[in-house]
């Protein structure tokens, strides 16, 4: 097999794999708060405390994946164009 064919097959496999992953699990953990929904602070004695709510994910701890966001944009564009 030629290298171009192998590369294109690998690209299609990765693309469809990520698309399936985004369809099965459209939300991932927030990168800023690591899925906790808030910051973790320590007091003066070294004990962990709950900090402020995460502003990026609005304290849910979840974010929408890039692939799912692109799908939502394309679906919205198609829906608005066919009305």
N, C-alpha and C. Protein backbone atom coordinates (compact mmCIF):
# COMPACT_ATOMS: atom_id res chain seq x y z
N UNK A 1 0.84 -1.18 0.00
CA UNK A 1 0.00 0.00 0.00
C UNK A 1 0.88 1.24 0.00
N UNK A 2 0.39 2.25 -0.67
CA UNK A 2 1.17 3.47 -0.76
C UNK A 2 1.03 4.28 0.54
N UNK A 3 2.04 5.08 0.83
CA UNK A 3 1.97 5.89 2.06
C UNK A 3 0.79 6.87 2.08
N UNK A 4 0.39 7.35 0.91
CA UNK A 4 -0.74 8.28 0.84
C UNK A 4 -2.03 7.57 1.24
N UNK A 5 -2.20 6.35 0.79
CA UNK A 5 -3.39 5.57 1.12
C UNK A 5 -3.44 5.24 2.61
N UNK A 6 -2.30 4.88 3.17
CA UNK A 6 -2.24 4.56 4.59
C UNK A 6 -2.53 5.81 5.43
N UNK A 7 -1.97 6.94 5.01
CA UNK A 7 -2.19 8.18 5.73
C UNK A 7 -3.66 8.60 5.68
N UNK A 8 -4.27 8.51 4.52
CA UNK A 8 -5.68 8.90 4.40
C UNK A 8 -6.58 7.94 5.18
N UNK A 9 -6.26 6.66 5.18
CA UNK A 9 -7.05 5.69 5.95
C UNK A 9 -6.92 5.97 7.45
N UNK A 10 -5.73 6.28 7.90
CA UNK A 10 -5.52 6.61 9.30
C UNK A 10 -6.26 7.90 9.68
N UNK A 11 -6.22 8.88 8.79
CA UNK A 11 -6.94 10.13 9.04
C UNK A 11 -8.44 9.90 9.16
N UNK A 12 -9.00 9.09 8.26
CA UNK A 12 -10.43 8.79 8.32
C UNK A 12 -10.78 8.02 9.58
N UNK A 13 -9.93 7.10 9.99
CA UNK A 13 -10.17 6.33 11.21
C UNK A 13 -10.18 7.24 12.44
N UNK A 14 -9.23 8.15 12.52
CA UNK A 14 -9.17 9.07 13.65
C UNK A 14 -10.37 10.02 13.64
N UNK A 15 -10.73 10.52 12.47
CA UNK A 15 -11.85 11.45 12.35
C UNK A 15 -13.16 10.80 12.76
N UNK A 16 -13.44 9.61 12.23
CA UNK A 16 -14.69 8.93 12.59
C UNK A 16 -14.67 8.45 14.03
N UNK A 17 -13.52 8.10 14.54
CA UNK A 17 -13.42 7.72 15.94
C UNK A 17 -13.73 8.88 16.87
N UNK A 18 -13.19 10.05 16.56
CA UNK A 18 -13.47 11.23 17.38
C UNK A 18 -14.92 11.66 17.23
N UNK A 19 -15.47 11.53 16.03
CA UNK A 19 -16.88 11.86 15.82
C UNK A 19 -17.79 10.95 16.63
N UNK A 20 -17.48 9.67 16.67
CA UNK A 20 -18.25 8.73 17.49
C UNK A 20 -18.10 9.02 18.96
N UNK A 21 -16.90 9.40 19.37
CA UNK A 21 -16.65 9.75 20.76
C UNK A 21 -17.44 10.98 21.16
N UNK A 22 -17.51 11.98 20.28
CA UNK A 22 -18.28 13.20 20.57
C UNK A 22 -19.78 12.91 20.58
N UNK A 23 -20.23 11.96 19.76
CA UNK A 23 -21.65 11.60 19.77
C UNK A 23 -22.01 10.86 21.05
N UNK A 24 -21.12 10.00 21.52
CA UNK A 24 -21.39 9.21 22.73
C UNK A 24 -21.23 10.04 23.99
N UNK A 25 -20.25 10.93 24.01
CA UNK A 25 -19.99 11.75 25.20
C UNK A 25 -19.70 13.18 24.76
N UNK A 26 -20.76 14.00 24.58
CA UNK A 26 -20.55 15.34 24.04
C UNK A 26 -19.90 16.32 25.02
N UNK A 27 -19.88 16.00 26.29
CA UNK A 27 -19.31 16.91 27.28
C UNK A 27 -18.08 16.29 27.92
N UNK A 28 -17.07 17.11 28.14
CA UNK A 28 -15.86 16.68 28.82
C UNK A 28 -15.65 17.52 30.07
N UNK A 29 -14.63 17.18 30.83
CA UNK A 29 -14.33 17.94 32.04
C UNK A 29 -13.78 19.31 31.68
N UNK A 30 -14.12 20.30 32.49
CA UNK A 30 -13.61 21.65 32.31
C UNK A 30 -12.10 21.63 32.54
N UNK A 31 -11.36 22.32 31.69
CA UNK A 31 -9.90 22.31 31.80
C UNK A 31 -9.41 23.20 32.93
N UNK A 32 -10.18 24.22 33.25
CA UNK A 32 -9.74 25.17 34.27
C UNK A 32 -9.89 24.59 35.68
N UNK A 33 -11.04 23.99 35.96
CA UNK A 33 -11.28 23.47 37.31
C UNK A 33 -11.13 21.95 37.38
N UNK A 34 -10.76 21.33 36.27
CA UNK A 34 -10.56 19.88 36.18
C UNK A 34 -11.81 19.09 36.53
N UNK A 35 -12.97 19.63 36.19
CA UNK A 35 -14.23 18.93 36.38
C UNK A 35 -14.83 19.04 37.76
N UNK A 36 -14.25 19.83 38.63
CA UNK A 36 -14.80 19.95 39.98
C UNK A 36 -15.85 21.05 40.08
N UNK A 37 -15.80 22.06 39.23
CA UNK A 37 -16.77 23.14 39.26
C UNK A 37 -16.36 24.29 40.15
N UNK A 38 -15.26 24.13 40.84
CA UNK A 38 -14.77 25.19 41.72
C UNK A 38 -13.27 25.03 41.91
N UNK A 39 -12.67 26.07 42.44
CA UNK A 39 -11.24 26.02 42.72
C UNK A 39 -11.02 25.33 44.07
N UNK A 40 -9.84 24.79 44.26
CA UNK A 40 -9.49 24.17 45.54
C UNK A 40 -8.43 25.06 46.19
N UNK A 41 -8.72 25.49 47.40
CA UNK A 41 -7.79 26.35 48.13
C UNK A 41 -7.36 25.64 49.41
N UNK A 42 -6.31 26.13 50.00
CA UNK A 42 -5.88 25.62 51.29
C UNK A 42 -5.91 26.76 52.30
N UNK A 43 -6.29 26.42 53.52
CA UNK A 43 -6.26 27.44 54.55
C UNK A 43 -4.86 27.53 55.14
N UNK A 44 -4.70 28.32 56.19
CA UNK A 44 -3.36 28.54 56.75
C UNK A 44 -2.80 27.29 57.42
N UNK A 45 -3.66 26.37 57.78
CA UNK A 45 -3.19 25.13 58.40
C UNK A 45 -2.87 24.05 57.37
N UNK A 46 -3.16 24.32 56.09
CA UNK A 46 -2.85 23.36 55.04
C UNK A 46 -4.01 22.46 54.66
N UNK A 47 -5.16 22.63 55.28
CA UNK A 47 -6.33 21.83 54.93
C UNK A 47 -6.97 22.38 53.67
N UNK A 48 -7.50 21.49 52.84
CA UNK A 48 -8.12 21.93 51.60
C UNK A 48 -9.52 22.47 51.88
N UNK A 49 -9.85 23.51 51.15
CA UNK A 49 -11.16 24.14 51.25
C UNK A 49 -11.72 24.35 49.86
N UNK A 50 -13.01 24.50 49.81
CA UNK A 50 -13.66 24.80 48.54
C UNK A 50 -13.45 26.28 48.23
N UNK A 51 -13.02 26.56 47.00
CA UNK A 51 -12.79 27.94 46.59
C UNK A 51 -13.98 28.51 45.85
N UNK A 52 -13.72 29.49 45.03
CA UNK A 52 -14.78 30.15 44.26
C UNK A 52 -15.26 29.23 43.12
N UNK A 53 -16.49 29.48 42.68
CA UNK A 53 -17.04 28.74 41.56
C UNK A 53 -16.27 29.08 40.29
N UNK A 54 -16.16 28.11 39.42
CA UNK A 54 -15.46 28.29 38.14
C UNK A 54 -16.33 29.14 37.22
N UNK A 55 -15.75 30.20 36.67
CA UNK A 55 -16.51 31.06 35.78
C UNK A 55 -16.59 30.51 34.36
N UNK A 56 -15.63 29.69 33.97
CA UNK A 56 -15.62 29.17 32.61
C UNK A 56 -16.76 28.19 32.38
N UNK A 57 -16.97 27.28 33.33
CA UNK A 57 -18.02 26.26 33.16
C UNK A 57 -19.27 26.58 33.98
N UNK A 58 -19.30 27.71 34.64
CA UNK A 58 -20.43 28.15 35.47
C UNK A 58 -20.73 27.12 36.56
N UNK A 59 -19.69 26.59 37.16
CA UNK A 59 -19.75 25.66 38.30
C UNK A 59 -20.39 24.32 37.97
N UNK A 60 -20.44 23.94 36.69
CA UNK A 60 -20.97 22.62 36.34
C UNK A 60 -19.85 21.59 36.27
N UNK A 61 -18.64 22.03 35.96
CA UNK A 61 -17.52 21.11 35.83
C UNK A 61 -17.43 20.49 34.45
N UNK A 62 -18.33 20.85 33.56
CA UNK A 62 -18.36 20.26 32.21
C UNK A 62 -18.19 21.33 31.16
N UNK A 63 -17.68 20.92 30.01
CA UNK A 63 -17.56 21.80 28.85
C UNK A 63 -17.97 21.00 27.62
N UNK A 64 -18.35 21.69 26.56
CA UNK A 64 -18.73 21.00 25.34
C UNK A 64 -17.46 20.73 24.53
N UNK A 65 -17.38 19.56 23.95
CA UNK A 65 -16.19 19.19 23.16
C UNK A 65 -16.18 19.97 21.85
N UNK A 66 -14.99 20.12 21.27
CA UNK A 66 -14.82 20.90 20.03
C UNK A 66 -15.61 20.26 18.89
N UNK A 67 -15.54 18.95 18.76
CA UNK A 67 -16.25 18.26 17.69
C UNK A 67 -17.76 18.42 17.82
N UNK A 68 -18.27 18.35 19.04
CA UNK A 68 -19.70 18.53 19.24
C UNK A 68 -20.11 19.97 18.95
N UNK A 69 -19.27 20.93 19.30
CA UNK A 69 -19.55 22.33 19.00
C UNK A 69 -19.62 22.55 17.49
N UNK A 70 -18.68 21.97 16.74
CA UNK A 70 -18.70 22.10 15.29
C UNK A 70 -19.95 21.46 14.69
N UNK A 71 -20.36 20.30 15.23
CA UNK A 71 -21.58 19.65 14.77
C UNK A 71 -22.79 20.53 15.05
N UNK A 72 -22.85 21.13 16.24
CA UNK A 72 -23.98 22.00 16.58
C UNK A 72 -24.05 23.21 15.66
N UNK A 73 -22.89 23.79 15.34
CA UNK A 73 -22.86 24.95 14.43
C UNK A 73 -23.34 24.54 13.04
N UNK A 74 -22.88 23.40 12.53
CA UNK A 74 -23.28 22.94 11.21
C UNK A 74 -24.78 22.60 11.18
N UNK A 75 -25.28 21.96 12.22
CA UNK A 75 -26.71 21.62 12.28
C UNK A 75 -27.56 22.88 12.35
N UNK A 76 -27.12 23.87 13.12
CA UNK A 76 -27.87 25.12 13.22
C UNK A 76 -27.87 25.86 11.89
N UNK A 77 -26.73 25.87 11.19
CA UNK A 77 -26.63 26.52 9.88
C UNK A 77 -27.55 25.83 8.87
N UNK A 78 -27.58 24.51 8.88
CA UNK A 78 -28.44 23.76 7.97
C UNK A 78 -29.91 24.00 8.30
N UNK A 79 -30.24 23.98 9.57
CA UNK A 79 -31.63 24.18 10.00
C UNK A 79 -32.12 25.58 9.62
N UNK A 80 -31.26 26.60 9.81
CA UNK A 80 -31.66 27.96 9.46
C UNK A 80 -31.72 28.17 7.96
N UNK A 81 -30.90 27.45 7.22
CA UNK A 81 -30.90 27.60 5.76
C UNK A 81 -32.04 26.90 5.06
N UNK A 82 -32.64 25.91 5.71
CA UNK A 82 -33.71 25.16 5.04
C UNK A 82 -35.08 25.56 5.53
N UNK A 83 -35.18 26.62 6.28
CA UNK A 83 -36.51 27.08 6.75
C UNK A 83 -37.25 27.79 5.66
